[in-house]
N, C-alpha and C. Protein backbone atom coordinates (compact mmCIF):
# COMPACT_ATOMS: atom_id res chain seq x y z
N MET A 1 37.80 79.31 -36.85
CA MET A 1 38.97 78.54 -36.87
C MET A 1 38.62 77.06 -36.24
N PHE A 2 39.08 75.93 -36.86
CA PHE A 2 38.76 74.73 -36.33
C PHE A 2 39.61 74.32 -35.02
N THR A 3 38.84 73.86 -34.03
CA THR A 3 39.54 73.53 -32.74
C THR A 3 39.13 72.09 -32.46
N LEU A 4 40.12 71.34 -32.00
CA LEU A 4 39.81 69.94 -31.67
C LEU A 4 39.17 69.73 -30.38
N PRO A 5 38.03 69.12 -30.29
CA PRO A 5 37.29 69.00 -29.13
C PRO A 5 38.20 68.38 -27.97
N VAL A 6 37.82 68.77 -26.74
CA VAL A 6 38.68 68.20 -25.58
C VAL A 6 38.50 66.74 -25.32
N ASP A 7 37.43 66.20 -25.66
CA ASP A 7 37.31 64.63 -25.54
C ASP A 7 38.16 63.99 -26.49
N ALA A 8 38.18 64.52 -27.78
CA ALA A 8 38.94 63.97 -28.83
C ALA A 8 40.58 64.03 -28.43
N ALA A 9 40.92 65.24 -27.99
CA ALA A 9 42.31 65.42 -27.52
C ALA A 9 42.72 64.49 -26.47
N ILE A 10 41.80 64.28 -25.50
CA ILE A 10 42.03 63.46 -24.32
C ILE A 10 42.30 61.96 -24.97
N HIS A 11 41.27 61.63 -25.67
CA HIS A 11 41.36 60.20 -26.27
C HIS A 11 42.63 59.98 -27.17
N ALA A 12 43.11 61.04 -27.91
CA ALA A 12 44.32 60.83 -28.65
C ALA A 12 45.53 60.63 -27.72
N ILE A 13 45.66 61.52 -26.57
CA ILE A 13 46.71 61.30 -25.61
C ILE A 13 46.62 59.99 -24.90
N GLU A 14 45.36 59.53 -24.57
CA GLU A 14 45.29 58.16 -23.91
C GLU A 14 45.82 56.98 -24.80
N THR A 15 45.46 57.22 -26.12
CA THR A 15 45.77 56.26 -27.19
C THR A 15 47.40 56.22 -27.28
N LEU A 16 48.05 57.50 -27.32
CA LEU A 16 49.43 57.62 -27.53
C LEU A 16 50.11 56.89 -26.28
N LEU A 17 49.60 57.14 -25.05
CA LEU A 17 50.22 56.56 -23.92
C LEU A 17 50.00 55.11 -23.81
N TYR A 18 48.98 54.57 -24.24
CA TYR A 18 48.75 53.14 -24.26
C TYR A 18 49.67 52.53 -25.35
N SER A 19 49.88 53.12 -26.52
CA SER A 19 50.82 52.59 -27.34
C SER A 19 52.22 52.65 -26.85
N ILE A 20 52.61 53.72 -26.24
CA ILE A 20 53.84 53.69 -25.63
C ILE A 20 54.09 52.56 -24.56
N SER A 21 53.19 52.39 -23.79
CA SER A 21 53.29 51.40 -22.78
C SER A 21 53.45 49.96 -23.43
N ASN A 22 52.60 49.72 -24.43
CA ASN A 22 52.68 48.50 -25.17
C ASN A 22 54.05 48.31 -25.82
N VAL A 23 54.62 49.30 -26.38
CA VAL A 23 55.96 49.26 -26.92
C VAL A 23 56.94 48.87 -25.96
N LEU A 24 56.86 49.42 -24.62
CA LEU A 24 57.70 49.15 -23.55
C LEU A 24 57.60 47.77 -22.95
N TYR A 25 56.53 47.20 -23.22
CA TYR A 25 56.10 45.77 -22.68
C TYR A 25 57.33 44.78 -22.75
N LEU A 26 57.71 44.60 -23.95
CA LEU A 26 58.81 43.52 -24.36
C LEU A 26 60.11 43.97 -23.63
N PRO A 27 60.63 45.15 -23.83
CA PRO A 27 61.76 45.61 -23.22
C PRO A 27 61.80 45.62 -21.72
N VAL A 28 60.64 45.76 -21.09
CA VAL A 28 60.63 45.67 -19.70
C VAL A 28 60.60 44.18 -19.18
N LEU A 29 60.06 43.22 -19.91
CA LEU A 29 60.13 41.84 -19.55
C LEU A 29 61.53 41.28 -19.80
N LEU A 30 62.16 41.91 -20.90
CA LEU A 30 63.57 41.45 -21.17
C LEU A 30 64.52 41.95 -20.15
N GLY A 31 64.14 43.17 -19.54
CA GLY A 31 65.01 43.91 -18.66
C GLY A 31 64.86 43.03 -17.27
N ILE A 32 63.75 42.50 -16.96
CA ILE A 32 63.56 41.76 -15.70
C ILE A 32 64.29 40.47 -15.79
N ALA A 33 64.16 39.79 -16.98
CA ALA A 33 64.98 38.53 -17.28
C ALA A 33 66.54 38.80 -17.23
N ALA A 34 66.93 39.85 -17.75
CA ALA A 34 68.29 40.26 -17.66
C ALA A 34 68.80 40.51 -16.23
N LEU A 35 67.90 41.13 -15.49
CA LEU A 35 68.16 41.33 -14.07
C LEU A 35 68.34 40.03 -13.25
N VAL A 36 67.54 39.00 -13.58
CA VAL A 36 67.69 37.75 -12.93
C VAL A 36 69.11 37.09 -13.27
N LEU A 37 69.42 37.18 -14.51
CA LEU A 37 70.74 36.62 -14.92
C LEU A 37 71.78 37.35 -14.35
N HIS A 38 71.67 38.63 -14.14
CA HIS A 38 72.73 39.47 -13.47
C HIS A 38 72.81 39.19 -12.00
N MET A 39 71.73 38.87 -11.41
CA MET A 39 71.77 38.43 -10.00
C MET A 39 72.25 37.18 -9.72
N LEU A 40 71.97 36.08 -10.70
CA LEU A 40 72.67 34.79 -10.64
C LEU A 40 74.26 35.07 -10.64
N PHE A 41 74.66 35.96 -11.54
CA PHE A 41 76.22 36.16 -11.83
C PHE A 41 76.66 36.73 -10.44
N CYS A 42 76.00 37.84 -9.92
CA CYS A 42 76.40 38.43 -8.62
C CYS A 42 76.50 37.45 -7.35
N PHE A 43 75.49 36.41 -7.29
CA PHE A 43 75.48 35.42 -6.25
C PHE A 43 76.64 34.48 -6.43
N GLY A 44 76.90 34.10 -7.69
CA GLY A 44 78.14 33.36 -8.01
C GLY A 44 79.45 34.04 -7.69
N SER A 45 79.52 35.30 -8.07
CA SER A 45 80.74 36.02 -7.67
C SER A 45 80.84 36.25 -6.18
N PHE A 46 79.76 36.51 -5.55
CA PHE A 46 79.74 36.64 -4.09
C PHE A 46 80.13 35.17 -3.34
N GLY A 47 79.68 34.14 -3.85
CA GLY A 47 80.06 32.73 -3.28
C GLY A 47 81.54 32.45 -3.41
N ALA A 48 82.07 32.92 -4.59
CA ALA A 48 83.52 32.66 -4.99
C ALA A 48 84.30 33.49 -4.00
N GLU A 49 83.95 34.78 -3.85
CA GLU A 49 84.70 35.60 -2.90
C GLU A 49 84.58 35.27 -1.36
N TRP A 50 83.41 34.76 -0.99
CA TRP A 50 83.12 34.25 0.30
C TRP A 50 84.24 33.13 0.61
N LEU A 51 84.32 32.25 -0.38
CA LEU A 51 85.16 30.95 -0.07
C LEU A 51 86.66 31.50 -0.11
N GLU A 52 87.06 32.45 -0.94
CA GLU A 52 88.33 33.00 -0.92
C GLU A 52 88.79 33.65 0.62
N ARG A 53 87.64 34.39 1.09
CA ARG A 53 87.85 34.95 2.27
C ARG A 53 87.95 33.93 3.44
N ARG A 54 87.21 32.85 3.38
CA ARG A 54 87.32 31.77 4.29
C ARG A 54 88.62 31.14 4.32
N ARG A 55 89.40 31.20 3.22
CA ARG A 55 90.76 30.68 3.06
C ARG A 55 91.75 31.82 3.38
N GLY A 56 91.30 32.93 3.72
CA GLY A 56 92.21 34.09 4.14
C GLY A 56 92.70 34.97 2.98
N VAL A 57 92.16 34.71 1.79
CA VAL A 57 92.55 35.42 0.58
C VAL A 57 91.63 36.72 0.41
N ARG A 58 92.17 37.91 0.58
CA ARG A 58 91.50 39.07 0.24
C ARG A 58 92.05 39.96 -0.87
N MET A 59 91.49 39.53 -2.07
CA MET A 59 92.22 40.10 -3.43
C MET A 59 92.46 41.60 -3.39
N LEU A 60 91.43 42.45 -2.83
CA LEU A 60 91.76 43.81 -2.91
C LEU A 60 93.03 44.22 -2.04
N VAL A 61 93.06 43.73 -0.88
CA VAL A 61 94.19 43.99 0.04
C VAL A 61 95.39 43.43 -0.55
N ALA A 62 95.39 42.27 -1.15
CA ALA A 62 96.59 41.72 -1.66
C ALA A 62 97.13 42.52 -2.82
N THR A 63 96.35 42.83 -3.88
CA THR A 63 96.66 43.71 -4.89
C THR A 63 97.22 45.16 -4.52
N ALA A 64 96.56 45.66 -3.44
CA ALA A 64 97.13 47.01 -3.10
C ALA A 64 98.47 46.73 -2.30
N LYS A 65 98.63 45.74 -1.58
CA LYS A 65 99.98 45.56 -0.94
C LYS A 65 101.10 45.24 -1.98
N GLN A 66 100.72 44.57 -3.01
CA GLN A 66 101.73 44.34 -4.23
C GLN A 66 102.12 45.73 -4.79
N GLU A 67 101.08 46.55 -4.97
CA GLU A 67 101.38 47.91 -5.53
C GLU A 67 102.20 48.69 -4.61
N MET A 68 101.92 48.61 -3.34
CA MET A 68 102.67 49.29 -2.38
C MET A 68 104.19 48.91 -2.41
N SER A 69 104.46 47.64 -2.61
CA SER A 69 105.78 47.09 -2.52
C SER A 69 106.42 47.69 -3.83
N ALA A 70 105.62 47.78 -4.88
CA ALA A 70 106.30 48.27 -6.12
C ALA A 70 106.72 49.73 -6.17
N VAL A 71 105.96 50.68 -5.31
CA VAL A 71 106.31 52.01 -5.28
C VAL A 71 107.42 52.30 -4.52
N LEU A 72 107.93 51.37 -3.77
CA LEU A 72 109.09 51.68 -2.93
C LEU A 72 110.34 52.07 -3.68
N THR A 73 110.40 51.58 -4.92
CA THR A 73 111.51 51.77 -5.84
C THR A 73 111.19 53.09 -6.57
N ALA A 74 111.47 54.14 -6.11
CA ALA A 74 111.03 55.60 -6.73
C ALA A 74 112.13 55.78 -7.65
N GLN A 75 111.72 56.27 -8.78
CA GLN A 75 112.58 56.83 -9.90
C GLN A 75 112.69 58.45 -9.67
N GLU A 76 113.69 58.97 -10.21
CA GLU A 76 113.94 60.40 -10.01
C GLU A 76 112.73 61.19 -10.74
N GLY A 77 112.19 62.12 -10.05
CA GLY A 77 110.99 62.89 -10.58
C GLY A 77 109.71 62.24 -10.20
N ASP A 78 109.72 61.05 -9.60
CA ASP A 78 108.42 60.45 -9.05
C ASP A 78 107.89 61.34 -7.90
N PRO A 79 106.50 61.25 -7.64
CA PRO A 79 106.07 61.97 -6.36
C PRO A 79 106.50 61.32 -5.22
N ALA A 80 106.25 62.03 -4.05
CA ALA A 80 106.70 61.58 -2.74
C ALA A 80 106.07 60.31 -2.46
N LEU A 81 106.65 59.40 -1.47
CA LEU A 81 106.04 58.29 -1.16
C LEU A 81 104.60 58.26 -0.67
N ASP A 82 104.37 59.30 0.19
CA ASP A 82 102.99 59.33 0.76
C ASP A 82 101.98 59.56 -0.26
N VAL A 83 102.26 60.42 -1.27
CA VAL A 83 101.47 60.67 -2.45
C VAL A 83 101.15 59.43 -3.26
N ARG A 84 102.18 58.65 -3.43
CA ARG A 84 101.90 57.42 -4.37
C ARG A 84 101.25 56.41 -3.52
N LEU A 85 101.32 56.37 -2.17
CA LEU A 85 100.60 55.41 -1.38
C LEU A 85 99.12 55.95 -1.20
N GLU A 86 99.03 57.20 -1.22
CA GLU A 86 97.55 57.63 -1.20
C GLU A 86 96.84 57.39 -2.49
N ARG A 87 97.56 57.40 -3.51
CA ARG A 87 96.98 57.12 -4.87
C ARG A 87 96.51 55.60 -4.86
N ILE A 88 97.31 54.69 -4.27
CA ILE A 88 97.04 53.31 -4.44
C ILE A 88 95.71 53.05 -3.45
N VAL A 89 95.58 53.73 -2.34
CA VAL A 89 94.43 53.62 -1.37
C VAL A 89 93.30 54.12 -2.15
N GLN A 90 93.34 55.18 -2.88
CA GLN A 90 92.22 55.69 -3.54
C GLN A 90 91.81 54.88 -4.72
N ARG A 91 92.74 54.23 -5.41
CA ARG A 91 92.47 53.36 -6.53
C ARG A 91 91.66 52.04 -5.98
N ALA A 92 92.23 51.56 -4.68
CA ALA A 92 91.48 50.40 -4.20
C ALA A 92 90.16 50.71 -3.77
N ASP A 93 89.97 51.84 -3.25
CA ASP A 93 88.62 52.48 -2.82
C ASP A 93 87.69 52.44 -4.08
N ALA A 94 88.21 53.01 -5.15
CA ALA A 94 87.31 53.13 -6.38
C ALA A 94 87.04 51.77 -7.00
N SER A 95 87.99 50.90 -6.81
CA SER A 95 87.76 49.60 -7.47
C SER A 95 86.74 48.79 -6.67
N GLY A 96 86.79 49.09 -5.20
CA GLY A 96 85.81 48.26 -4.50
C GLY A 96 84.33 48.92 -4.67
N VAL A 97 84.29 50.21 -4.93
CA VAL A 97 82.99 50.89 -5.00
C VAL A 97 82.44 50.49 -6.38
N ARG A 98 83.24 50.39 -7.39
CA ARG A 98 82.85 49.86 -8.71
C ARG A 98 82.10 48.52 -8.73
N ARG A 99 82.70 47.58 -7.90
CA ARG A 99 82.11 46.22 -7.77
C ARG A 99 80.78 46.28 -7.01
N LEU A 100 80.78 47.27 -6.00
CA LEU A 100 79.52 47.46 -5.22
C LEU A 100 78.43 48.05 -6.24
N ASP A 101 78.83 48.93 -7.11
CA ASP A 101 77.77 49.61 -8.00
C ASP A 101 76.87 48.49 -8.80
N GLY A 102 77.64 47.54 -9.27
CA GLY A 102 76.86 46.54 -10.01
C GLY A 102 75.63 45.84 -9.18
N VAL A 103 75.86 45.81 -7.80
CA VAL A 103 74.77 45.17 -7.03
C VAL A 103 73.78 46.31 -6.64
N ARG A 104 74.30 47.57 -6.32
CA ARG A 104 73.46 48.57 -5.87
C ARG A 104 72.47 48.98 -6.91
N PHE A 105 72.92 48.89 -8.25
CA PHE A 105 72.09 49.09 -9.40
C PHE A 105 70.77 48.32 -9.38
N VAL A 106 70.93 47.08 -8.95
CA VAL A 106 69.83 46.10 -8.92
C VAL A 106 68.75 46.49 -7.71
N VAL A 107 69.34 46.98 -6.57
CA VAL A 107 68.50 47.56 -5.49
C VAL A 107 67.48 48.68 -6.06
N ARG A 108 68.01 49.41 -6.95
CA ARG A 108 67.22 50.62 -7.40
C ARG A 108 66.31 50.22 -8.49
N VAL A 109 66.89 49.46 -9.46
CA VAL A 109 66.20 49.16 -10.67
C VAL A 109 65.17 48.01 -10.58
N GLY A 110 65.46 47.08 -9.67
CA GLY A 110 64.53 45.84 -9.54
C GLY A 110 63.15 46.21 -9.21
N PRO A 111 62.82 47.11 -8.25
CA PRO A 111 61.39 47.52 -7.93
C PRO A 111 60.78 48.24 -9.12
N ALA A 112 61.52 49.09 -9.57
CA ALA A 112 61.05 49.93 -10.76
C ALA A 112 60.52 49.12 -12.03
N LEU A 113 61.46 48.19 -12.37
CA LEU A 113 61.04 47.22 -13.58
C LEU A 113 59.98 46.37 -13.20
N GLY A 114 59.92 45.89 -11.79
CA GLY A 114 58.90 45.08 -11.40
C GLY A 114 57.55 45.85 -11.42
N LEU A 115 57.55 47.13 -11.07
CA LEU A 115 56.36 47.95 -11.06
C LEU A 115 55.82 48.10 -12.50
N MET A 116 56.90 48.47 -13.40
CA MET A 116 56.42 48.60 -14.76
C MET A 116 55.90 47.36 -15.47
N GLY A 117 56.64 46.13 -15.08
CA GLY A 117 56.13 44.90 -15.44
C GLY A 117 54.82 44.47 -14.95
N THR A 118 54.30 45.23 -13.88
CA THR A 118 52.94 44.94 -13.23
C THR A 118 51.96 45.72 -14.02
N LEU A 119 52.26 47.00 -14.07
CA LEU A 119 51.32 47.97 -14.55
C LEU A 119 50.97 47.83 -16.11
N ILE A 120 51.94 47.65 -16.86
CA ILE A 120 51.70 47.48 -18.33
C ILE A 120 50.74 46.24 -18.58
N PRO A 121 51.03 45.06 -18.05
CA PRO A 121 50.15 43.90 -18.36
C PRO A 121 48.68 44.11 -17.70
N MET A 122 48.69 45.00 -16.63
CA MET A 122 47.31 45.22 -16.05
C MET A 122 46.61 46.13 -16.90
N GLY A 123 47.07 47.07 -17.75
CA GLY A 123 46.44 47.80 -18.67
C GLY A 123 45.87 46.91 -19.78
N ILE A 124 46.75 46.04 -20.33
CA ILE A 124 46.37 45.08 -21.31
C ILE A 124 45.28 44.20 -20.81
N SER A 125 45.35 43.72 -19.56
CA SER A 125 44.35 42.93 -18.94
C SER A 125 42.96 43.57 -18.90
N LEU A 126 43.00 44.83 -18.57
CA LEU A 126 41.73 45.58 -18.45
C LEU A 126 41.09 45.77 -19.83
N ALA A 127 41.99 46.01 -20.73
CA ALA A 127 41.63 46.01 -22.22
C ALA A 127 40.86 44.77 -22.62
N GLY A 128 41.40 43.64 -22.23
CA GLY A 128 40.87 42.32 -22.57
C GLY A 128 39.63 42.13 -21.90
N LEU A 129 39.57 42.56 -20.58
CA LEU A 129 38.16 42.58 -19.83
C LEU A 129 37.06 43.28 -20.62
N ALA A 130 37.57 44.45 -21.21
CA ALA A 130 36.58 45.33 -21.82
C ALA A 130 35.95 44.68 -23.06
N GLN A 131 36.81 43.81 -23.68
CA GLN A 131 36.50 43.09 -24.84
C GLN A 131 35.86 41.69 -24.62
N GLY A 132 35.69 41.40 -23.36
CA GLY A 132 35.30 40.05 -22.86
C GLY A 132 36.21 38.96 -22.98
N ASN A 133 37.44 39.22 -23.19
CA ASN A 133 38.46 38.07 -23.51
C ASN A 133 39.08 37.71 -22.10
N LEU A 134 38.45 36.83 -21.44
CA LEU A 134 38.87 36.50 -20.02
C LEU A 134 40.23 35.68 -20.09
N PRO A 135 40.42 34.79 -20.97
CA PRO A 135 41.78 34.07 -20.91
C PRO A 135 42.98 35.14 -21.15
N LYS A 136 42.91 36.09 -21.97
CA LYS A 136 43.88 37.05 -22.19
C LYS A 136 44.08 37.97 -20.84
N MET A 137 42.97 38.23 -20.23
CA MET A 137 42.89 39.00 -19.03
C MET A 137 43.79 38.15 -17.96
N ALA A 138 43.44 36.79 -17.75
CA ALA A 138 44.10 36.06 -16.85
C ALA A 138 45.54 35.86 -17.09
N GLU A 139 45.92 35.76 -18.31
CA GLU A 139 47.43 35.53 -18.75
C GLU A 139 48.20 36.82 -18.32
N SER A 140 47.51 38.06 -18.68
CA SER A 140 48.18 39.35 -18.44
C SER A 140 48.23 39.47 -16.92
N MET A 141 47.29 39.10 -16.05
CA MET A 141 47.40 39.40 -14.70
C MET A 141 48.44 38.42 -14.01
N THR A 142 48.61 37.17 -14.58
CA THR A 142 49.72 36.35 -14.10
C THR A 142 51.04 36.98 -14.38
N THR A 143 51.12 37.43 -15.59
CA THR A 143 52.55 38.12 -15.93
C THR A 143 52.71 39.24 -15.10
N ALA A 144 51.67 40.16 -14.71
CA ALA A 144 51.80 41.29 -13.98
C ALA A 144 52.25 40.97 -12.54
N PHE A 145 51.62 39.89 -11.89
CA PHE A 145 52.08 39.65 -10.47
C PHE A 145 53.53 38.86 -10.45
N THR A 146 53.80 38.10 -11.53
CA THR A 146 55.06 37.49 -11.51
C THR A 146 56.22 38.47 -11.68
N ALA A 147 56.02 39.57 -12.53
CA ALA A 147 56.97 40.57 -12.66
C ALA A 147 57.21 41.27 -11.40
N THR A 148 56.16 41.59 -10.73
CA THR A 148 56.31 42.22 -9.35
C THR A 148 57.23 41.53 -8.45
N VAL A 149 56.93 40.19 -8.39
CA VAL A 149 57.54 39.14 -7.47
C VAL A 149 59.07 39.17 -7.81
N VAL A 150 59.32 38.89 -9.07
CA VAL A 150 60.80 38.81 -9.44
C VAL A 150 61.49 40.09 -9.30
N GLY A 151 60.96 41.13 -9.62
CA GLY A 151 61.62 42.51 -9.48
C GLY A 151 61.94 42.79 -7.94
N LEU A 152 61.03 42.38 -7.02
CA LEU A 152 61.30 42.62 -5.62
C LEU A 152 62.22 41.76 -5.14
N ALA A 153 62.15 40.35 -5.56
CA ALA A 153 63.07 39.37 -5.13
C ALA A 153 64.57 39.76 -5.48
N CYS A 154 64.72 40.21 -6.78
CA CYS A 154 66.13 40.70 -7.12
C CYS A 154 66.53 41.78 -6.22
N SER A 155 65.61 42.72 -6.01
CA SER A 155 66.00 43.87 -5.22
C SER A 155 66.47 43.55 -3.76
N VAL A 156 65.67 42.57 -3.17
CA VAL A 156 66.09 42.10 -1.73
C VAL A 156 67.32 41.41 -1.76
N GLY A 157 67.56 40.47 -2.65
CA GLY A 157 68.79 39.73 -2.82
C GLY A 157 70.00 40.67 -2.98
N ALA A 158 69.81 41.66 -3.93
CA ALA A 158 70.88 42.71 -4.21
C ALA A 158 71.18 43.49 -2.78
N TYR A 159 70.02 43.74 -1.97
CA TYR A 159 70.31 44.66 -0.85
C TYR A 159 71.17 43.77 0.16
N VAL A 160 70.89 42.57 0.24
CA VAL A 160 71.66 41.71 1.32
C VAL A 160 72.99 41.62 0.82
N LEU A 161 73.28 41.50 -0.44
CA LEU A 161 74.62 41.33 -1.00
C LEU A 161 75.35 42.66 -0.85
N THR A 162 74.65 43.71 -1.02
CA THR A 162 75.21 45.09 -0.75
C THR A 162 75.76 45.17 0.62
N LEU A 163 74.83 44.89 1.52
CA LEU A 163 75.24 45.09 2.98
C LEU A 163 76.44 44.29 3.35
N VAL A 164 76.58 43.05 2.91
CA VAL A 164 77.76 42.13 3.18
C VAL A 164 79.06 42.75 2.44
N ARG A 165 78.93 43.12 1.10
CA ARG A 165 80.00 43.62 0.36
C ARG A 165 80.44 45.01 0.93
N GLU A 166 79.67 45.77 1.45
CA GLU A 166 80.05 46.99 2.03
C GLU A 166 80.87 46.74 3.26
N HIS A 167 80.45 45.80 4.11
CA HIS A 167 81.26 45.56 5.28
C HIS A 167 82.50 44.91 4.92
N TRP A 168 82.64 43.99 3.84
CA TRP A 168 83.99 43.58 3.53
C TRP A 168 84.81 44.73 2.89
N LEU A 169 84.12 45.73 2.11
CA LEU A 169 84.92 46.77 1.58
C LEU A 169 85.62 47.69 2.62
N ARG A 170 84.72 47.94 3.62
CA ARG A 170 85.21 48.83 4.76
C ARG A 170 86.44 48.27 5.47
N SER A 171 86.35 46.90 5.72
CA SER A 171 87.33 46.14 6.36
C SER A 171 88.53 46.03 5.53
N ASP A 172 88.42 45.87 4.24
CA ASP A 172 89.65 45.85 3.30
C ASP A 172 90.26 47.11 3.20
N LEU A 173 89.58 48.37 3.09
CA LEU A 173 90.13 49.49 3.07
C LEU A 173 90.90 50.12 4.25
N THR A 174 90.27 49.65 5.50
CA THR A 174 91.11 49.91 6.68
C THR A 174 92.40 49.10 6.72
N GLU A 175 92.40 47.80 6.34
CA GLU A 175 93.59 47.07 6.16
C GLU A 175 94.71 47.70 5.31
N ILE A 176 94.10 48.15 4.12
CA ILE A 176 95.04 48.79 3.14
C ILE A 176 95.55 50.11 3.80
N ALA A 177 94.71 51.03 4.40
CA ALA A 177 95.15 52.21 4.92
C ALA A 177 96.24 52.00 6.00
N PHE A 178 95.95 50.87 6.83
CA PHE A 178 96.93 50.53 7.93
C PHE A 178 98.25 50.24 7.17
N ALA A 179 98.22 49.35 6.24
CA ALA A 179 99.48 48.96 5.41
C ALA A 179 100.18 50.12 5.01
N ALA A 180 99.44 51.17 4.42
CA ALA A 180 100.06 52.31 3.88
C ALA A 180 100.68 53.08 4.94
N GLU A 181 100.10 53.32 6.09
CA GLU A 181 100.73 53.95 7.28
C GLU A 181 101.92 53.42 7.77
N ALA A 182 101.74 51.98 7.98
CA ALA A 182 102.96 51.34 8.28
C ALA A 182 104.13 51.44 7.51
N LEU A 183 103.89 51.40 6.18
CA LEU A 183 104.94 51.62 5.21
C LEU A 183 105.64 52.95 5.24
N LEU A 184 104.66 53.97 5.48
CA LEU A 184 105.21 55.33 5.61
C LEU A 184 106.07 55.51 6.86
N ALA A 185 105.61 54.88 8.02
CA ALA A 185 106.32 54.91 9.26
C ALA A 185 107.76 54.18 9.21
N SER A 186 107.71 53.15 8.44
CA SER A 186 108.98 52.26 8.28
C SER A 186 110.01 53.04 7.48
N HIS A 187 109.51 54.05 6.77
CA HIS A 187 110.47 54.84 5.93
C HIS A 187 110.77 56.23 6.24
N GLY A 188 110.32 56.32 7.71
CA GLY A 188 110.75 57.59 8.31
C GLY A 188 109.87 58.71 7.89
N ALA A 189 108.73 58.56 7.16
CA ALA A 189 107.72 59.61 6.85
C ALA A 189 106.75 59.72 8.03
N LYS A 190 106.24 60.83 8.16
CA LYS A 190 105.28 60.99 9.18
C LYS A 190 103.90 60.48 8.90
N PRO A 191 103.24 59.36 9.48
CA PRO A 191 102.02 58.91 9.10
C PRO A 191 100.98 60.13 9.16
N HIS A 192 99.97 60.07 8.21
CA HIS A 192 99.04 61.07 8.18
C HIS A 192 97.61 60.46 8.01
N LEU A 193 97.40 59.16 8.45
CA LEU A 193 96.07 58.58 8.30
C LEU A 193 95.48 58.56 6.94
N VAL A 194 96.30 57.86 6.17
CA VAL A 194 95.70 57.70 4.77
C VAL A 194 94.41 56.89 4.89
N ARG A 195 93.29 57.47 4.54
CA ARG A 195 92.03 56.84 4.75
C ARG A 195 91.01 56.96 3.47
N ALA A 196 90.18 56.04 3.33
CA ALA A 196 89.20 56.10 2.34
C ALA A 196 88.01 55.44 2.79
N GLU A 197 86.82 56.03 2.32
CA GLU A 197 85.54 55.41 2.78
C GLU A 197 84.85 54.96 1.66
N ALA A 198 84.05 53.86 1.78
CA ALA A 198 83.22 53.37 0.82
C ALA A 198 82.02 54.11 0.54
């Protein structure tokens, strides 16, 4: 029975992996470019929220307080006041975490895309070196190091934004929980420390 030699099998697998990495090259570069655009949007959103907070506007808290005022008019068959307030606190928590997830995503994905954007061009560069094509090698190495820098820069920027936004979110959720407790106390219900964590 015919058996494929080990060297031929290894060469076939190497060729397959090299082809896969070449196919991933463009998507990885597009992913890094998209990451940069996403971070520009995140920084713009962060700047706008920072200016709002400087003016004393905290949208998450304001929205939650409006919803709390609305639940005071209970209809027959509605859940108890503390249940409705707890739901508002939980919704505010979920909303804040969703906003954080968009930045946390970059903290994880940035270095991974940067590394892929480094290793794929380096493989192409080594192939160019083997063929004696030095200009192609230099071009691929430039792309490789640029991808690393951009991926890491996006990750560091996202990490800083995440730290600040987490602090803001904890502060907002504390304020929302306090408002819920105060509302319960003012309506004769026993406060039970409605609380949510980011």
